[in-house]
Amino acid sequence: MSYTWDMAFLLEYFREIDISRLTHQEAKQCLYYLNLIQLSNQAYEAEGAPIREKVIERLKELENQQQKS
């Protein structure tokens, strides 16, 4: 298994998951791996950008919920 294949697999996995159901920790981990994917290959930057935006929005949503409680 090549490193590039692993990154492509992770990117595809992130496309498939329901980001709106991620916990705070899961969203942080997802963002971490998206950053690694984008750093490993510039071609993935454009592909991962929409997912990254959704994960950031989810993190903001969770932080707002935490502040309200």
PDB file of N, CA and C in Angstrom:
ATOM      1  N   MET A   1       0.835  -1.170   0.000  1.00  0.00           N
ATOM      2  CA  MET A   1       0.000   0.000   0.000  1.00  0.00           C
ATOM      3  C   MET A   1       0.886   1.242   0.000  1.00  0.00           C
ATOM      4  N   SER A   2       0.615   2.131  -0.885  1.00  0.00           N
ATOM      5  CA  SER A   2       1.439   3.331  -0.952  1.00  0.00           C
ATOM      6  C   SER A   2       0.846   4.437  -0.093  1.00  0.00           C
ATOM      7  N   TYR A   3       1.699   5.364   0.263  1.00  0.00           N
ATOM      8  CA  TYR A   3       1.306   6.511   1.086  1.00  0.00           C
ATOM      9  C   TYR A   3       0.237   7.335   0.376  1.00  0.00           C
ATOM     10  N   THR A   4       0.403   7.527  -0.937  1.00  0.00           N
ATOM     11  CA  THR A   4      -0.561   8.301  -1.716  1.00  0.00           C
ATOM     12  C   THR A   4      -1.920   7.622  -1.717  1.00  0.00           C
ATOM     13  N   TRP A   5      -1.927   6.298  -1.839  1.00  0.00           N
ATOM     14  CA  TRP A   5      -3.192   5.568  -1.822  1.00  0.00           C
ATOM     15  C   TRP A   5      -3.890   5.752  -0.482  1.00  0.00           C
ATOM     16  N   ASP A   6      -3.120   5.701   0.611  1.00  0.00           N
ATOM     17  CA  ASP A   6      -3.696   5.891   1.941  1.00  0.00           C
ATOM     18  C   ASP A   6      -4.358   7.254   2.061  1.00  0.00           C
ATOM     19  N   MET A   7      -3.705   8.277   1.544  1.00  0.00           N
ATOM     20  CA  MET A   7      -4.251   9.627   1.620  1.00  0.00           C
ATOM     21  C   MET A   7      -5.517   9.742   0.779  1.00  0.00           C
ATOM     22  N   ALA A   8      -5.504   9.134  -0.396  1.00  0.00           N
ATOM     23  CA  ALA A   8      -6.688   9.152  -1.253  1.00  0.00           C
ATOM     24  C   ALA A   8      -7.842   8.421  -0.576  1.00  0.00           C
ATOM     25  N   PHE A   9      -7.526   7.314   0.098  1.00  0.00           N
ATOM     26  CA  PHE A   9      -8.541   6.554   0.814  1.00  0.00           C
ATOM     27  C   PHE A   9      -9.149   7.392   1.941  1.00  0.00           C
ATOM     28  N   LEU A  10      -8.307   8.075   2.704  1.00  0.00           N
ATOM     29  CA  LEU A  10      -8.801   8.923   3.794  1.00  0.00           C
ATOM     30  C   LEU A  10      -9.675  10.053   3.264  1.00  0.00           C
ATOM     31  N   LEU A  11      -9.251  10.669   2.191  1.00  0.00           N
ATOM     32  CA  LEU A  11     -10.029  11.756   1.608  1.00  0.00           C
ATOM     33  C   LEU A  11     -11.397  11.250   1.169  1.00  0.00           C
ATOM     34  N   GLU A  12     -11.427  10.081   0.554  1.00  0.00           N
ATOM     35  CA  GLU A  12     -12.705   9.486   0.139  1.00  0.00           C
ATOM     36  C   GLU A  12     -13.570   9.160   1.357  1.00  0.00           C
ATOM     37  N   TYR A  13     -12.951   8.656   2.402  1.00  0.00           N
ATOM     38  CA  TYR A  13     -13.680   8.350   3.638  1.00  0.00           C
ATOM     39  C   TYR A  13     -14.308   9.618   4.212  1.00  0.00           C
ATOM     40  N   PHE A  14     -13.562  10.707   4.235  1.00  0.00           N
ATOM     41  CA  PHE A  14     -14.087  11.967   4.772  1.00  0.00           C
ATOM     42  C   PHE A  14     -15.244  12.496   3.933  1.00  0.00           C
ATOM     43  N   ARG A  15     -15.238  12.191   2.639  1.00  0.00           N
ATOM     44  CA  ARG A  15     -16.366  12.594   1.784  1.00  0.00           C
ATOM     45  C   ARG A  15     -17.637  11.830   2.163  1.00  0.00           C
ATOM     46  N   GLU A  16     -17.467  10.599   2.614  1.00  0.00           N
ATOM     47  CA  GLU A  16     -18.598   9.715   2.882  1.00  0.00           C
ATOM     48  C   GLU A  16     -19.245   9.927   4.252  1.00  0.00           C
ATOM     49  N   ILE A  17     -18.491  10.429   5.221  1.00  0.00           N
ATOM     50  CA  ILE A  17     -19.040  10.521   6.576  1.00  0.00           C
ATOM     51  C   ILE A  17     -19.990  11.709   6.708  1.00  0.00           C
ATOM     52  N   ASP A  18     -20.871  11.610   7.677  1.00  0.00           N
ATOM     53  CA  ASP A  18     -21.807  12.689   7.985  1.00  0.00           C
ATOM     54  C   ASP A  18     -21.119  13.623   8.983  1.00  0.00           C
ATOM     55  N   ILE A  19     -20.560  14.691   8.483  1.00  0.00           N
ATOM     56  CA  ILE A  19     -19.781  15.611   9.309  1.00  0.00           C
ATOM     57  C   ILE A  19     -20.638  16.241  10.401  1.00  0.00           C
ATOM     58  N   SER A  20     -21.916  16.394  10.147  1.00  0.00           N
ATOM     59  CA  SER A  20     -22.798  17.017  11.141  1.00  0.00           C
ATOM     60  C   SER A  20     -22.978  16.161  12.394  1.00  0.00           C
ATOM     61  N   ARG A  21     -22.534  14.917  12.355  1.00  0.00           N
ATOM     62  CA  ARG A  21     -22.666  14.028  13.516  1.00  0.00           C
ATOM     63  C   ARG A  21     -21.355  13.847  14.276  1.00  0.00           C
ATOM     64  N   LEU A  22     -20.290  14.497  13.823  1.00  0.00           N
ATOM     65  CA  LEU A  22     -18.997  14.355  14.484  1.00  0.00           C
ATOM     66  C   LEU A  22     -19.001  15.019  15.857  1.00  0.00           C
ATOM     67  N   THR A  23     -18.317  14.394  16.801  1.00  0.00           N
ATOM     68  CA  THR A  23     -18.095  15.024  18.099  1.00  0.00           C
ATOM     69  C   THR A  23     -16.972  16.043  17.935  1.00  0.00           C
ATOM     70  N   HIS A  24     -16.745  16.825  18.989  1.00  0.00           N
ATOM     71  CA  HIS A  24     -15.683  17.825  18.941  1.00  0.00           C
ATOM     72  C   HIS A  24     -14.332  17.168  18.665  1.00  0.00           C
ATOM     73  N   GLN A  25     -14.036  16.096  19.381  1.00  0.00           N
ATOM     74  CA  GLN A  25     -12.753  15.409  19.208  1.00  0.00           C
ATOM     75  C   GLN A  25     -12.632  14.795  17.814  1.00  0.00           C
ATOM     76  N   GLU A  26     -13.698  14.192  17.322  1.00  0.00           N
ATOM     77  CA  GLU A  26     -13.670  13.592  15.987  1.00  0.00           C
ATOM     78  C   GLU A  26     -13.443  14.654  14.914  1.00  0.00           C
ATOM     79  N   ALA A  27     -14.097  15.802  15.068  1.00  0.00           N
ATOM     80  CA  ALA A  27     -13.927  16.890  14.102  1.00  0.00           C
ATOM     81  C   ALA A  27     -12.493  17.410  14.117  1.00  0.00           C
ATOM     82  N   LYS A  28     -11.906  17.519  15.315  1.00  0.00           N
ATOM     83  CA  LYS A  28     -10.511  17.965  15.414  1.00  0.00           C
ATOM     84  C   LYS A  28      -9.572  16.967  14.743  1.00  0.00           C
ATOM     85  N   GLN A  29      -9.828  15.683  14.940  1.00  0.00           N
ATOM     86  CA  GLN A  29      -9.002  14.653  14.307  1.00  0.00           C
ATOM     87  C   GLN A  29      -9.159  14.683  12.786  1.00  0.00           C
ATOM     88  N   CYS A  30     -10.374  14.855  12.336  1.00  0.00           N
ATOM     89  CA  CYS A  30     -10.644  14.931  10.903  1.00  0.00           C
ATOM     90  C   CYS A  30      -9.883  16.114  10.293  1.00  0.00           C
ATOM     91  N   LEU A  31      -9.941  17.257  10.951  1.00  0.00           N
ATOM     92  CA  LEU A  31      -9.236  18.438  10.469  1.00  0.00           C
ATOM     93  C   LEU A  31      -7.725  18.204  10.451  1.00  0.00           C
ATOM     94  N   TYR A  32      -7.225  17.546  11.470  1.00  0.00           N
ATOM     95  CA  TYR A  32      -5.796  17.214  11.533  1.00  0.00           C
ATOM     96  C   TYR A  32      -5.387  16.369  10.324  1.00  0.00           C
ATOM     97  N   TYR A  33      -6.156  15.327  10.043  1.00  0.00           N
ATOM     98  CA  TYR A  33      -5.817  14.453   8.920  1.00  0.00           C
ATOM     99  C   TYR A  33      -6.011  15.148   7.576  1.00  0.00           C
ATOM    100  N   LEU A  34      -7.005  16.007   7.472  1.00  0.00           N
ATOM    101  CA  LEU A  34      -7.170  16.772   6.236  1.00  0.00           C
ATOM    102  C   LEU A  34      -5.962  17.671   5.997  1.00  0.00           C
ATOM    103  N   ASN A  35      -5.451  18.276   7.060  1.00  0.00           N
ATOM    104  CA  ASN A  35      -4.249  19.102   6.928  1.00  0.00           C
ATOM    105  C   ASN A  35      -3.063  18.267   6.468  1.00  0.00           C
ATOM    106  N   LEU A  36      -2.913  17.074   7.033  1.00  0.00           N
ATOM    107  CA  LEU A  36      -1.819  16.185   6.607  1.00  0.00           C
ATOM    108  C   LEU A  36      -1.960  15.793   5.140  1.00  0.00           C
ATOM    109  N   ILE A  37      -3.178  15.490   4.742  1.00  0.00           N
ATOM    110  CA  ILE A  37      -3.431  15.109   3.355  1.00  0.00           C
ATOM    111  C   ILE A  37      -3.042  16.249   2.423  1.00  0.00           C
ATOM    112  N   GLN A  38      -3.462  17.452   2.764  1.00  0.00           N
ATOM    113  CA  GLN A  38      -3.172  18.593   1.909  1.00  0.00           C
ATOM    114  C   GLN A  38      -1.684  18.916   1.878  1.00  0.00           C
ATOM    115  N   LEU A  39      -0.995  18.706   2.985  1.00  0.00           N
ATOM    116  CA  LEU A  39       0.448  18.941   3.009  1.00  0.00           C
ATOM    117  C   LEU A  39       1.207  17.879   2.221  1.00  0.00           C
ATOM    118  N   SER A  40       0.679  16.671   2.195  1.00  0.00           N
ATOM    119  CA  SER A  40       1.373  15.575   1.515  1.00  0.00           C
ATOM    120  C   SER A  40       1.304  15.699   0.000  1.00  0.00           C
ATOM    121  N   ASN A  41       0.235  16.320  -0.494  1.00  0.00           N
ATOM    122  CA  ASN A  41       0.057  16.395  -1.937  1.00  0.00           C
ATOM    123  C   ASN A  41      -0.809  17.608  -2.264  1.00  0.00           C
ATOM    124  N   GLN A  42      -0.237  18.559  -2.961  1.00  0.00           N
ATOM    125  CA  GLN A  42      -0.960  19.786  -3.298  1.00  0.00           C
ATOM    126  C   GLN A  42      -2.208  19.515  -4.138  1.00  0.00           C
ATOM    127  N   ALA A  43      -2.212  18.422  -4.881  1.00  0.00           N
ATOM    128  CA  ALA A  43      -3.377  18.090  -5.701  1.00  0.00           C
ATOM    129  C   ALA A  43      -4.609  17.830  -4.842  1.00  0.00           C
ATOM    130  N   TYR A  44      -4.383  17.371  -3.624  1.00  0.00           N
ATOM    131  CA  TYR A  44      -5.507  17.093  -2.730  1.00  0.00           C
ATOM    132  C   TYR A  44      -6.054  18.356  -2.072  1.00  0.00           C
ATOM    133  N   GLU A  45      -5.331  19.455  -2.175  1.00  0.00           N
ATOM    134  CA  GLU A  45      -5.763  20.682  -1.505  1.00  0.00           C
ATOM    135  C   GLU A  45      -7.138  21.138  -1.998  1.00  0.00           C
ATOM    136  N   ALA A  46      -7.311  21.183  -3.303  1.00  0.00           N
ATOM    137  CA  ALA A  46      -8.596  21.603  -3.865  1.00  0.00           C
ATOM    138  C   ALA A  46      -9.697  20.593  -3.562  1.00  0.00           C
ATOM    139  N   GLU A  47      -9.351  19.314  -3.594  1.00  0.00           N
ATOM    140  CA  GLU A  47     -10.345  18.272  -3.320  1.00  0.00           C
ATOM    141  C   GLU A  47     -10.799  18.296  -1.866  1.00  0.00           C
ATOM    142  N   GLY A  48      -9.877  18.572  -0.966  1.00  0.00           N
ATOM    143  CA  GLY A  48     -10.186  18.545   0.453  1.00  0.00           C
ATOM    144  C   GLY A  48     -10.774  19.827   0.998  1.00  0.00           C
ATOM    145  N   ALA A  49     -10.688  20.916   0.225  1.00  0.00           N
ATOM    146  CA  ALA A  49     -11.143  22.222   0.715  1.00  0.00           C
ATOM    147  C   ALA A  49     -12.617  22.242   1.143  1.00  0.00           C
ATOM    148  N   PRO A  50     -13.545  21.704   0.349  1.00  0.00           N
ATOM    149  CA  PRO A  50     -14.953  21.733   0.780  1.00  0.00           C
ATOM    150  C   PRO A  50     -15.195  20.927   2.062  1.00  0.00           C
ATOM    151  N   ILE A  51     -14.512  19.810   2.186  1.00  0.00           N
ATOM    152  CA  ILE A  51     -14.652  18.982   3.388  1.00  0.00           C
ATOM    153  C   ILE A  51     -14.099  19.740   4.583  1.00  0.00           C
ATOM    154  N   ARG A  52     -12.948  20.353   4.376  1.00  0.00           N
ATOM    155  CA  ARG A  52     -12.289  21.121   5.445  1.00  0.00           C
ATOM    156  C   ARG A  52     -13.209  22.238   5.948  1.00  0.00           C
ATOM    157  N   GLU A  53     -13.864  22.936   5.031  1.00  0.00           N
ATOM    158  CA  GLU A  53     -14.784  24.011   5.406  1.00  0.00           C
ATOM    159  C   GLU A  53     -15.934  23.474   6.256  1.00  0.00           C
ATOM    160  N   LYS A  54     -16.474  22.327   5.870  1.00  0.00           N
ATOM    161  CA  LYS A  54     -17.571  21.723   6.632  1.00  0.00           C
ATOM    162  C   LYS A  54     -17.121  21.323   8.029  1.00  0.00           C
ATOM    163  N   VAL A  55     -15.914  20.785   8.135  1.00  0.00           N
ATOM    164  CA  VAL A  55     -15.391  20.372   9.441  1.00  0.00           C
ATOM    165  C   VAL A  55     -15.168  21.599  10.327  1.00  0.00           C
ATOM    166  N   ILE A  56     -14.641  22.669   9.757  1.00  0.00           N
ATOM    167  CA  ILE A  56     -14.432  23.902  10.524  1.00  0.00           C
ATOM    168  C   ILE A  56     -15.773  24.453  11.003  1.00  0.00           C
ATOM    169  N   GLU A  57     -16.777  24.421  10.134  1.00  0.00           N
ATOM    170  CA  GLU A  57     -18.121  24.870  10.531  1.00  0.00           C
ATOM    171  C   GLU A  57     -18.664  24.014  11.675  1.00  0.00           C
ATOM    172  N   ARG A  58     -18.444  22.716  11.585  1.00  0.00           N
ATOM    173  CA  ARG A  58     -18.900  21.805  12.650  1.00  0.00           C
ATOM    174  C   ARG A  58     -18.209  22.132  13.966  1.00  0.00           C
ATOM    175  N   LEU A  59     -16.912  22.388  13.919  1.00  0.00           N
ATOM    176  CA  LEU A  59     -16.180  22.750  15.137  1.00  0.00           C
ATOM    177  C   LEU A  59     -16.729  24.040  15.741  1.00  0.00           C
ATOM    178  N   LYS A  60     -17.010  25.027  14.902  1.00  0.00           N
ATOM    179  CA  LYS A  60     -17.580  26.294  15.386  1.00  0.00           C
ATOM    180  C   LYS A  60     -18.941  26.055  16.029  1.00  0.00           C
ATOM    181  N   GLU A  61     -19.747  25.224  15.388  1.00  0.00           N
ATOM    182  CA  GLU A  61     -21.075  24.888  15.912  1.00  0.00           C
ATOM    183  C   GLU A  61     -20.965  24.232  17.292  1.00  0.00           C
ATOM    184  N   LEU A  62     -20.050  23.287  17.422  1.00  0.00           N
ATOM    185  CA  LEU A  62     -19.865  22.592  18.696  1.00  0.00           C
ATOM    186  C   LEU A  62     -19.328  23.530  19.775  1.00  0.00           C
ATOM    187  N   GLU A  63     -18.440  24.432  19.401  1.00  0.00           N
ATOM    188  CA  GLU A  63     -17.905  25.394  20.364  1.00  0.00           C
ATOM    189  C   GLU A  63     -18.987  26.357  20.828  1.00  0.00           C
ATOM    190  N   ASN A  64     -19.870  26.774  19.912  1.00  0.00           N
ATOM    191  CA  ASN A  64     -20.989  27.641  20.288  1.00  0.00           C
ATOM    192  C   ASN A  64     -21.935  26.926  21.246  1.00  0.00           C
ATOM    193  N   GLN A  65     -22.208  25.652  20.987  1.00  0.00           N
ATOM    194  CA  GLN A  65     -23.066  24.872  21.875  1.00  0.00           C
ATOM    195  C   GLN A  65     -22.443  24.753  23.255  1.00  0.00           C
ATOM    196  N   GLN A  66     -21.140  24.558  23.285  1.00  0.00           N
ATOM    197  CA  GLN A  66     -20.436  24.406  24.556  1.00  0.00           C
ATOM    198  C   GLN A  66     -20.468  25.711  25.348  1.00  0.00           C
ATOM    199  N   GLN A  67     -20.341  26.841  24.672  1.00  0.00           N
ATOM    200  CA  GLN A  67     -20.373  28.137  25.348  1.00  0.00           C
ATOM    201  C   GLN A  67     -21.754  28.439  25.917  1.00  0.00           C
ATOM    202  N   LYS A  68     -22.804  27.989  25.235  1.00  0.00           N
ATOM    203  CA  LYS A  68     -24.168  28.238  25.691  1.00  0.00           C
ATOM    204  C   LYS A  68     -24.530  27.421  26.921  1.00  0.00           C
ATOM    205  N   SER A  69     -23.865  26.284  27.100  1.00  0.00           N
ATOM    206  CA  SER A  69     -24.226  25.431  28.241  1.00  0.00           C
ATOM    207  C   SER A  69     -23.368  25.681  29.449  1.00  0.00           C
TER     208      SER A  69
END
